[in-house]
C-alpha atoms as a PDB file:
ATOM      1  CA  MET A   1       8.684  16.622 -35.897  1.00  0.00           C
ATOM      2  CA  ARG A   2      11.025  13.958 -34.104  1.00  0.00           C
ATOM      3  CA  LYS A   3      13.795  16.889 -34.451  1.00  0.00           C
ATOM      4  CA  ALA A   4      11.415  19.048 -32.338  1.00  0.00           C
ATOM      5  CA  LEU A   5      10.722  17.070 -30.290  1.00  0.00           C
ATOM      6  CA  ILE A   6      14.880  16.332 -28.592  1.00  0.00           C
ATOM      7  CA  PRO A   7      14.838  19.979 -27.584  1.00  0.00           C
ATOM      8  CA  LEU A   8      12.217  20.330 -25.672  1.00  0.00           C
ATOM      9  CA  ALA A   9      12.744  16.650 -23.722  1.00  0.00           C
ATOM     10  CA  VAL A  10      16.493  18.190 -22.918  1.00  0.00           C
ATOM     11  CA  LEU A  11      14.117  21.342 -21.347  1.00  0.00           C
ATOM     12  CA  ALA A  12      12.161  19.409 -19.332  1.00  0.00           C
ATOM     13  CA  LEU A  13      15.283  17.442 -18.190  1.00  0.00           C
ATOM     14  CA  VAL A  14      17.136  19.918 -16.797  1.00  0.00           C
ATOM     15  CA  ALA A  15      13.841  21.822 -15.663  1.00  0.00           C
ATOM     16  CA  ALA A  16      13.678  18.841 -13.733  1.00  0.00           C
ATOM     17  CA  THR A  17      16.929  17.823 -12.071  1.00  0.00           C
ATOM     18  CA  ALA A  18      17.034  22.285 -11.140  1.00  0.00           C
ATOM     19  CA  LEU A  19      14.180  22.471  -9.239  1.00  0.00           C
ATOM     20  CA  PRO A  20      14.865  21.739  -5.377  1.00  0.00           C
ATOM     21  CA  ALA A  21      14.631  17.758  -4.335  1.00  0.00           C
ATOM     22  CA  GLN A  22      11.801  17.210  -2.401  1.00  0.00           C
ATOM     23  CA  ALA A  23      13.229  16.973   1.575  1.00  0.00           C
ATOM     24  CA  ARG A  24      12.042  13.624   3.598  1.00  0.00           C
ATOM     25  CA  ASP A  25      10.325  14.301   6.857  1.00  0.00           C
ATOM     26  CA  TYR A  26      11.827  11.705   9.770  1.00  0.00           C
ATOM     27  CA  GLY A  27      10.946  10.915  13.413  1.00  0.00           C
ATOM     28  CA  LYS A  28      12.610   8.721  15.623  1.00  0.00           C
ATOM     29  CA  VAL A  29      12.325   5.292  17.060  1.00  0.00           C
ATOM     30  CA  GLN A  30      13.667   3.894  20.612  1.00  0.00           C
ATOM     31  CA  LEU A  31      12.238   0.747  21.952  1.00  0.00           C
ATOM     32  CA  VAL A  32      11.590   0.939  25.711  1.00  0.00           C
ATOM     33  CA  GLY A  33      13.977  -1.409  28.420  1.00  0.00           C
ATOM     34  CA  LYS A  34      17.424  -1.483  28.663  1.00  0.00           C
ATOM     35  CA  GLY A  35      18.848  -5.002  27.481  1.00  0.00           C
ATOM     36  CA  LEU A  36      16.008  -5.576  24.587  1.00  0.00           C
ATOM     37  CA  ALA A  37      16.240  -5.726  20.682  1.00  0.00           C
ATOM     38  CA  MET A  38      13.474  -6.240  18.938  1.00  0.00           C
ATOM     39  CA  GLU A  39      13.711  -7.138  15.457  1.00  0.00           C
ATOM     40  CA  LEU A  40      11.315  -6.337  12.573  1.00  0.00           C
ATOM     41  CA  GLU A  41      10.517  -8.050   9.534  1.00  0.00           C
ATOM     42  CA  PHE A  42       8.405  -6.308   6.698  1.00  0.00           C
ATOM     43  CA  LYS A  43       7.036  -8.075   3.413  1.00  0.00           C
ATOM     44  CA  GLY A  44      10.224  -8.729   0.921  1.00  0.00           C
ATOM     45  CA  GLY A  45      12.461 -10.002   3.772  1.00  0.00           C
ATOM     46  CA  GLN A  46      13.903  -6.236   5.054  1.00  0.00           C
ATOM     47  CA  LYS A  47      14.436  -6.507   8.409  1.00  0.00           C
ATOM     48  CA  LEU A  48      14.498  -3.098  11.140  1.00  0.00           C
ATOM     49  CA  VAL A  49      16.755  -3.616  14.421  1.00  0.00           C
ATOM     50  CA  LEU A  50      15.127  -1.372  17.186  1.00  0.00           C
ATOM     51  CA  THR A  51      17.041  -0.823  20.275  1.00  0.00           C
ATOM     52  CA  SER A  52      16.685   1.544  22.963  1.00  0.00           C
ATOM     53  CA  LYS A  53      19.405   3.848  20.931  1.00  0.00           C
ATOM     54  CA  THR A  54      17.185   6.384  19.307  1.00  0.00           C
ATOM     55  CA  LYS A  55      16.428   5.418  15.505  1.00  0.00           C
ATOM     56  CA  LYS A  56      15.845   8.169  12.153  1.00  0.00           C
ATOM     57  CA  LEU A  57      13.067   6.634  10.272  1.00  0.00           C
ATOM     58  CA  PRO A  58      10.814   8.661   7.715  1.00  0.00           C
ATOM     59  CA  VAL A  59       7.822   9.242   8.737  1.00  0.00           C
ATOM     60  CA  GLY A  60       5.187   6.994   7.542  1.00  0.00           C
ATOM     61  CA  THR A  61       3.299   3.701   9.332  1.00  0.00           C
ATOM     62  CA  TYR A  62       5.419   0.564   9.327  1.00  0.00           C
ATOM     63  CA  THR A  63       3.492  -2.602   9.345  1.00  0.00           C
ATOM     64  CA  PRO A  64       5.994  -5.284  10.073  1.00  0.00           C
ATOM     65  CA  GLU A  65       4.947  -9.081   9.219  1.00  0.00           C
ATOM     66  CA  SER A  66       6.511 -10.226  12.468  1.00  0.00           C
ATOM     67  CA  TYR A  67       8.792  -9.218  15.262  1.00  0.00           C
ATOM     68  CA  THR A  68      11.228 -10.849  17.178  1.00  0.00           C
ATOM     69  CA  LEU A  69      12.141  -9.560  21.033  1.00  0.00           C
ATOM     70  CA  MET A  70      15.454 -10.516  22.064  1.00  0.00           C
ATOM     71  CA  MET A  71      16.658 -10.611  25.724  1.00  0.00           C
ATOM     72  CA  GLN A  72      20.554 -11.091  27.225  1.00  0.00           C
ATOM     73  CA  GLY A  73      19.992 -14.182  29.383  1.00  0.00           C
ATOM     74  CA  LYS A  74      22.491 -17.242  30.770  1.00  0.00           C
ATOM     75  CA  GLY A  75      23.798 -19.347  28.140  1.00  0.00           C
ATOM     76  CA  GLY A  76      22.900 -16.795  25.204  1.00  0.00           C
ATOM     77  CA  THR A  77      20.238 -14.352  23.873  1.00  0.00           C
ATOM     78  CA  TYR A  78      16.854 -15.553  24.138  1.00  0.00           C
ATOM     79  CA  ARG A  79      14.519 -14.605  20.938  1.00  0.00           C
ATOM     80  CA  LEU A  80      10.448 -14.667  21.584  1.00  0.00           C
ATOM     81  CA  THR A  81       8.962 -14.245  18.156  1.00  0.00           C
ATOM     82  CA  SER A  82       4.894 -12.590  17.086  1.00  0.00           C
ATOM     83  CA  VAL A  83       3.585 -12.997  14.053  1.00  0.00           C
ATOM     84  CA  THR A  84       0.979  -9.839  13.071  1.00  0.00           C
ATOM     85  CA  ALA A  85      -2.043 -10.222  10.759  1.00  0.00           C
ATOM     86  CA  THR A  86      -1.550  -8.615   7.824  1.00  0.00           C
ATOM     87  CA  ASP A  87      -5.053  -8.273   6.836  1.00  0.00           C
ATOM     88  CA  GLY A  88      -4.426  -4.609   8.881  1.00  0.00           C
ATOM     89  CA  THR A  89      -5.659  -5.277  12.403  1.00  0.00           C
ATOM     90  CA  GLY A  90      -2.075  -5.781  13.527  1.00  0.00           C
ATOM     91  CA  TRP A  91       0.068  -4.290  15.562  1.00  0.00           C
ATOM     92  CA  SER A  92       2.319  -1.268  13.584  1.00  0.00           C
ATOM     93  CA  LEU A  93       4.428   2.228  14.600  1.00  0.00           C
ATOM     94  CA  THR A  94       3.568   4.936  13.346  1.00  0.00           C
ATOM     95  CA  VAL A  95       6.608   7.221  13.138  1.00  0.00           C
ATOM     96  CA  GLU A  96       5.726  11.609  13.238  1.00  0.00           C
ATOM     97  CA  LYS A  97       7.687  14.174  12.163  1.00  0.00           C
ATOM     98  CA  ASP A  98      10.779  15.306  14.632  1.00  0.00           C
ATOM     99  CA  GLN A  99       8.707  12.849  17.220  1.00  0.00           C
ATOM    100  CA  THR A 100      10.294   9.827  19.221  1.00  0.00           C
ATOM    101  CA  THR A 101       8.110   7.359  18.565  1.00  0.00           C
ATOM    102  CA  GLU A 102       8.235   5.053  21.761  1.00  0.00           C
ATOM    103  CA  VAL A 103       7.913   0.931  21.375  1.00  0.00           C
ATOM    104  CA  ASP A 104       6.512  -0.909  24.777  1.00  0.00           C
ATOM    105  CA  LEU A 105       6.432  -4.349  24.140  1.00  0.00           C
ATOM    106  CA  GLY A 106       7.592  -7.344  25.784  1.00  0.00           C
ATOM    107  CA  PRO A 107       8.808  -7.869  29.416  1.00  0.00           C
ATOM    108  CA  PRO A 108       7.196  -8.496  32.724  1.00  0.00           C
ATOM    109  CA  LEU A 109       6.362 -12.218  30.539  1.00  0.00           C
ATOM    110  CA  LYS A 110       3.719 -14.163  31.584  1.00  0.00           C
ATOM    111  CA  VAL A 111       2.417 -17.350  30.886  1.00  0.00           C
ATOM    112  CA  VAL A 112      -0.408 -18.095  29.875  1.00  0.00           C
ATOM    113  CA  PRO A 113      -2.303 -21.477  30.155  1.00  0.00           C
ATOM    114  CA  ILE A 114      -5.145 -22.217  27.189  1.00  0.00           C
ATOM    115  CA  ARG A 115      -7.737 -24.529  27.160  1.00  0.00           C
ATOM    116  CA  TYR A 116      -8.416 -25.890  24.618  1.00  0.00           C
ATOM    117  CA  ALA A 117     -11.303 -28.537  23.691  1.00  0.00           C
ATOM    118  CA  GLY A 118     -11.122 -31.507  25.155  1.00  0.00           C
ATOM    119  CA  GLY A 119     -12.197 -34.852  24.445  1.00  0.00           C
ATOM    120  CA  ARG A 120     -11.761 -38.225  25.142  1.00  0.00           C
ATOM    121  CA  ASP A 121      -8.609 -40.794  25.033  1.00  0.00           C
ATOM    122  CA  LYS A 122      -8.984 -44.625  23.548  1.00  0.00           C
ATOM    123  CA  THR A 123      -9.788 -45.669  26.862  1.00  0.00           C
ATOM    124  CA  GLY A 124     -12.055 -43.847  27.098  1.00  0.00           C
ATOM    125  CA  GLN A 125     -11.383 -40.831  29.752  1.00  0.00           C
ATOM    126  CA  LEU A 126     -11.480 -37.683  29.378  1.00  0.00           C
ATOM    127  CA  VAL A 127      -8.819 -35.446  28.238  1.00  0.00           C
ATOM    128  CA  ILE A 128      -8.577 -31.557  28.995  1.00  0.00           C
ATOM    129  CA  PRO A 129      -5.648 -30.663  26.160  1.00  0.00           C
ATOM    130  CA  ILE A 130      -4.036 -27.040  28.371  1.00  0.00           C
ATOM    131  CA  GLY A 131      -1.445 -25.383  26.516  1.00  0.00           C
ATOM    132  CA  PHE A 132      -0.299 -21.775  26.982  1.00  0.00           C
ATOM    133  CA  SER A 133       1.148 -18.930  26.010  1.00  0.00           C
ATOM    134  CA  ILE A 134       3.677 -16.238  26.326  1.00  0.00           C
ATOM    135  CA  GLN A 135       1.864 -12.497  26.584  1.00  0.00           C
ATOM    136  CA  GLY A 136       4.069  -9.865  27.444  1.00  0.00           C
ATOM    137  CA  LYS A 137       3.109  -6.302  29.218  1.00  0.00           C
ATOM    138  CA  ASN A 138       0.650  -5.377  26.617  1.00  0.00           C
ATOM    139  CA  GLY A 139      -1.336  -8.437  25.935  1.00  0.00           C
ATOM    140  CA  GLU A 140       0.801  -9.012  22.592  1.00  0.00           C
ATOM    141  CA  THR A 141       1.441 -12.530  22.341  1.00  0.00           C
ATOM    142  CA  TYR A 142       4.245 -14.265  21.540  1.00  0.00           C
ATOM    143  CA  GLU A 143       4.561 -17.519  19.595  1.00  0.00           C
ATOM    144  CA  HIS A 144       6.939 -20.798  18.657  1.00  0.00           C
ATOM    145  CA  GLY A 145       8.342 -20.972  21.503  1.00  0.00           C
ATOM    146  CA  VAL A 146      11.092 -19.248  23.480  1.00  0.00           C
ATOM    147  CA  ARG A 147      14.756 -20.473  21.575  1.00  0.00           C
ATOM    148  CA  MET A 148      17.988 -19.496  21.884  1.00  0.00           C
ATOM    149  CA  GLY A 149      19.816 -19.088  18.957  1.00  0.00           C
ATOM    150  CA  ALA A 150      17.933 -21.253  16.575  1.00  0.00           C
ATOM    151  CA  MET A 151      17.221 -24.195  19.008  1.00  0.00           C
ATOM    152  CA  ARG A 152      13.740 -23.864  21.438  1.00  0.00           C
ATOM    153  CA  VAL A 153      14.537 -23.714  24.970  1.00  0.00           C
ATOM    154  CA  PRO A 154      12.429 -26.727  26.551  1.00  0.00           C
ATOM    155  CA  ALA A 155       8.866 -26.315  27.363  1.00  0.00           C
ATOM    156  CA  PRO A 156       8.437 -25.940  31.390  1.00  0.00           C
ATOM    157  CA  VAL A 157       7.459 -28.793  33.376  1.00  0.00           C
ATOM    158  CA  PHE A 158       4.571 -27.508  36.031  1.00  0.00           C
ATOM    159  CA  GLN A 159       2.839 -29.586  38.930  1.00  0.00           C
ATOM    160  CA  ILE A 160      -0.933 -29.844  40.238  1.00  0.00           C
ATOM    161  CA  GLU A 161      -0.687 -29.769  44.854  1.00  0.00           C
ATOM    162  CA  SER A 162      -3.346 -30.998  46.796  1.00  0.00           C
ATOM    163  CA  GLU A 163      -4.355 -28.496  49.180  1.00  0.00           C
ATOM    164  CA  ASP A 164      -1.690 -29.810  51.393  1.00  0.00           C
ATOM    165  CA  GLY A 165       1.130 -29.737  49.492  1.00  0.00           C
ATOM    166  CA  LYS A 166       1.556 -32.910  48.585  1.00  0.00           C
ATOM    167  CA  ALA A 167       1.975 -33.510  44.467  1.00  0.00           C
ATOM    168  CA  LEU A 168      -0.550 -34.796  42.891  1.00  0.00           C
ATOM    169  CA  ALA A 169       0.441 -34.968  39.073  1.00  0.00           C
ATOM    170  CA  THR A 170       3.783 -33.675  37.447  1.00  0.00           C
ATOM    171  CA  GLY A 171       4.274 -32.689  33.877  1.00  0.00           C
ATOM    172  CA  LYS A 172       5.766 -31.091  30.482  1.00  0.00           C
ATOM    173  CA  PHE A 173       3.971 -28.981  28.679  1.00  0.00           C
ATOM    174  CA  GLU A 174       4.481 -29.569  24.594  1.00  0.00           C
ATOM    175  CA  TYR A 175       4.954 -27.109  22.193  1.00  0.00           C
ATOM    176  CA  GLY A 176       2.418 -26.570  19.662  1.00  0.00           C
END
């Protein structure tokens, strides 16, 4: 019986290799905006860098765990990182056959104030913590502040002015 299976296995192997290989469908992806690059990071540490030049990718839906927007500026490359939800509600990229998918995230960026739950400090004074979030043109939120290389760019400062322009208070935002 064993000798009869060997020719059958060889015949199946020859038949499988003689069939034409399944052609994979491809589309293209392009980041909108000049001077930008975006690094997408996927589960398992795989990375894909997008620029304004089109990149050929197999058809499918790609959901990165995070993406980093990179822009050239004074002194180097600025980096903004966004973490996406991995439960299916996060941002994803769909590549369709023979189509170019445009990724339109990033500038113009705006700093949006966030008011956290207030309380009282040790002296009894009312404290209302205010933080900030950096948002891109499509409402995407970038976390962890702005970085240049591995270093954080200093947090922005603020000044509260009266109606006549006098400085009532100044301070500095803190990350976190």
